């Protein structure tokens, strides 16, 4: 919370947000009780008056096959009044459904944007998506960043 408090002190709560990965794993690291941890954290963030929490709802490996961690999502939303931004292997249809069901305020897309620089237009048209190549992420040259085909 010290970092959040320092940022809020400079920029103000309405201009501050945070991204968390409550069910993420890396090597052997994980949270044994993300419901309790992130419910309490969300309450502290709400008290700090920040604008949003972006929650990565899938694991480090990018799989939402087992379903979204609804208990963790609820614990965060029950304790935070700002915007809840969902992230994590969403399709356009699932994003629309969850927003329309008031299960989140917004959805962000990472990997799909890398491979589809025209992602909003593809979603709008129901067009096929380019597959992404994770081996080209975050390093090397322009391959995998500027060479994905566009619709137009």
Protein backbone atom coordinates (compact mmCIF):
# COMPACT_ATOMS: atom_id res chain seq x y z
CA UNK A 1 0.00 0.00 0.00
CA UNK A 2 2.95 2.34 0.44
CA UNK A 3 3.44 2.56 -3.33
CA UNK A 4 -0.28 3.14 -3.94
CA UNK A 5 -0.37 5.82 -1.26
CA UNK A 6 2.69 7.53 -2.76
CA UNK A 7 1.19 7.53 -6.25
CA UNK A 8 -2.16 8.79 -4.97
CA UNK A 9 -0.37 11.56 -3.08
CA UNK A 10 1.16 12.80 -6.34
CA UNK A 11 -1.53 12.06 -8.94
CA UNK A 12 -4.71 11.65 -6.89
CA UNK A 13 -6.97 8.64 -6.58
CA UNK A 14 -9.10 9.38 -9.66
CA UNK A 15 -5.95 9.19 -11.81
CA UNK A 16 -4.58 6.01 -10.22
CA UNK A 17 -5.22 2.36 -10.97
CA UNK A 18 -3.57 -0.95 -10.27
CA UNK A 19 -3.25 -4.30 -12.04
CA UNK A 20 -3.18 -7.51 -9.98
CA UNK A 21 -2.98 -11.22 -10.72
CA UNK A 22 -4.58 -12.86 -7.68
CA UNK A 23 -4.61 -16.41 -9.07
CA UNK A 24 -1.44 -16.12 -11.10
CA UNK A 25 1.43 -18.49 -10.57
CA UNK A 26 5.09 -18.28 -11.38
CA UNK A 27 7.44 -21.12 -10.56
CA UNK A 28 6.23 -22.18 -7.09
CA UNK A 29 4.76 -18.79 -6.11
CA UNK A 30 1.04 -18.49 -5.52
CA UNK A 31 -1.42 -17.18 -2.96
CA UNK A 32 -2.94 -19.88 -0.74
CA UNK A 33 -6.04 -17.76 -0.03
CA UNK A 34 -6.58 -15.18 -2.78
CA UNK A 35 -10.18 -14.56 -1.66
CA UNK A 36 -9.05 -13.28 1.74
CA UNK A 37 -5.89 -11.58 0.49
CA UNK A 38 -7.42 -9.73 -2.44
CA UNK A 39 -10.69 -8.97 -0.67
CA UNK A 40 -8.70 -7.18 2.05
CA UNK A 41 -6.42 -5.54 -0.53
CA UNK A 42 -9.42 -4.30 -2.53
CA UNK A 43 -10.84 -2.73 0.64
CA UNK A 44 -7.56 -0.87 1.24
CA UNK A 45 -7.48 0.26 -2.41
CA UNK A 46 -11.06 1.48 -2.10
CA UNK A 47 -10.11 3.49 1.01
CA UNK A 48 -7.25 5.01 -1.00
CA UNK A 49 -9.83 6.17 -3.55
CA UNK A 50 -8.16 4.79 -6.67
CA UNK A 51 -10.10 4.74 -9.94
CA UNK A 52 -9.77 1.12 -11.02
CA UNK A 53 -8.46 -2.37 -10.43
CA UNK A 54 -7.48 -4.40 -13.47
CA UNK A 55 -7.59 -8.09 -12.55
CA UNK A 56 -5.80 -10.78 -14.53
CA UNK A 57 -8.31 -13.57 -14.08
CA UNK A 58 -6.28 -16.43 -15.52
CA UNK A 59 -3.01 -18.05 -14.54
CA UNK A 60 0.48 -17.08 -15.64
CA UNK A 61 0.12 -19.62 -18.43
CA UNK A 62 -2.84 -17.75 -19.93
CA UNK A 63 -5.48 -20.44 -19.51
CA UNK A 64 -9.06 -19.75 -18.54
CA UNK A 65 -10.09 -23.32 -19.34
CA UNK A 66 -10.91 -24.11 -15.71
CA UNK A 67 -13.17 -21.09 -15.56
CA UNK A 68 -12.81 -17.70 -14.02
CA UNK A 69 -12.09 -17.42 -10.28
CA UNK A 70 -15.57 -16.09 -9.48
CA UNK A 71 -15.00 -16.22 -5.71
CA UNK A 72 -11.90 -14.03 -6.01
CA UNK A 73 -13.66 -11.68 -8.44
CA UNK A 74 -16.58 -11.32 -6.03
CA UNK A 75 -14.27 -10.69 -3.06
CA UNK A 76 -12.60 -7.86 -4.97
CA UNK A 77 -15.84 -6.35 -6.25
CA UNK A 78 -17.55 -6.58 -2.85
CA UNK A 79 -14.78 -4.47 -1.35
CA UNK A 80 -14.02 -1.99 -4.13
CA UNK A 81 -16.34 0.68 -5.53
CA UNK A 82 -14.18 1.85 -8.45
CA UNK A 83 -14.11 0.32 -11.92
CA UNK A 84 -13.40 -3.40 -12.20
CA UNK A 85 -11.43 -4.14 -15.37
CA UNK A 86 -11.23 -7.80 -16.33
CA UNK A 87 -8.34 -9.34 -18.23
CA UNK A 88 -7.40 -12.86 -19.10
CA UNK A 89 -7.89 -14.77 -22.31
CA UNK A 90 -11.26 -13.23 -23.15
CA UNK A 91 -13.05 -13.65 -26.43
CA UNK A 92 -15.11 -10.77 -27.80
CA UNK A 93 -18.33 -12.63 -27.00
CA UNK A 94 -17.36 -13.45 -23.43
CA UNK A 95 -16.26 -9.84 -22.85
CA UNK A 96 -19.62 -8.52 -24.10
CA UNK A 97 -21.54 -11.06 -22.00
CA UNK A 98 -19.70 -10.25 -18.79
CA UNK A 99 -19.99 -6.49 -19.30
CA UNK A 100 -23.70 -6.79 -20.11
CA UNK A 101 -24.22 -8.98 -17.01
CA UNK A 102 -22.47 -6.31 -14.87
CA UNK A 103 -19.72 -8.75 -13.94
CA UNK A 104 -17.11 -6.18 -14.94
CA UNK A 105 -16.95 -2.62 -16.20
CA UNK A 106 -14.38 -3.14 -18.94
CA UNK A 107 -12.26 -5.91 -20.47
CA UNK A 108 -8.68 -5.51 -21.68
CA UNK A 109 -6.88 -7.59 -24.27
CA UNK A 110 -3.13 -8.08 -24.44
CA UNK A 111 -1.96 -10.98 -26.59
CA UNK A 112 -4.80 -10.54 -29.07
CA UNK A 113 -3.85 -6.88 -29.57
CA UNK A 114 -0.24 -7.80 -30.30
CA UNK A 115 -1.29 -10.12 -33.13
CA UNK A 116 -4.29 -8.06 -34.25
CA UNK A 117 -3.42 -4.35 -34.37
CA UNK A 118 -6.94 -3.78 -35.70
CA UNK A 119 -8.60 -5.83 -32.95
CA UNK A 120 -11.62 -3.51 -32.34
CA UNK A 121 -12.50 -3.59 -36.04
CA UNK A 122 -12.12 -7.37 -36.15
CA UNK A 123 -14.45 -7.67 -33.16
CA UNK A 124 -16.93 -5.28 -34.75
CA UNK A 125 -16.97 -7.26 -38.01
CA UNK A 126 -16.78 -10.71 -36.42
CA UNK A 127 -13.64 -11.24 -38.50
CA UNK A 128 -11.15 -14.06 -37.87
CA UNK A 129 -8.24 -13.30 -35.58
CA UNK A 130 -4.55 -13.77 -36.27
CA UNK A 131 -2.89 -16.35 -34.04
CA UNK A 132 -0.19 -14.87 -31.83
CA UNK A 133 3.36 -16.17 -31.56
CA UNK A 134 4.45 -16.02 -27.92
CA UNK A 135 8.07 -16.71 -28.86
CA UNK A 136 8.24 -13.21 -30.38
CA UNK A 137 6.81 -11.39 -27.34
CA UNK A 138 8.87 -8.82 -25.44
CA UNK A 139 12.18 -8.99 -27.17
CA UNK A 140 14.12 -9.27 -30.38
CA UNK A 141 13.24 -7.19 -33.41
CA UNK A 142 10.06 -6.06 -35.16
CA UNK A 143 9.05 -9.66 -36.01
CA UNK A 144 5.83 -10.41 -34.22
CA UNK A 145 5.01 -6.74 -33.64
CA UNK A 146 4.73 -5.04 -37.00
CA UNK A 147 4.23 -7.93 -39.40
CA UNK A 148 0.81 -9.33 -38.43
CA UNK A 149 -1.68 -8.97 -41.30
CA UNK A 150 -4.37 -6.29 -41.03
CA UNK A 151 -7.92 -6.50 -42.35
CA UNK A 152 -7.57 -3.23 -44.24
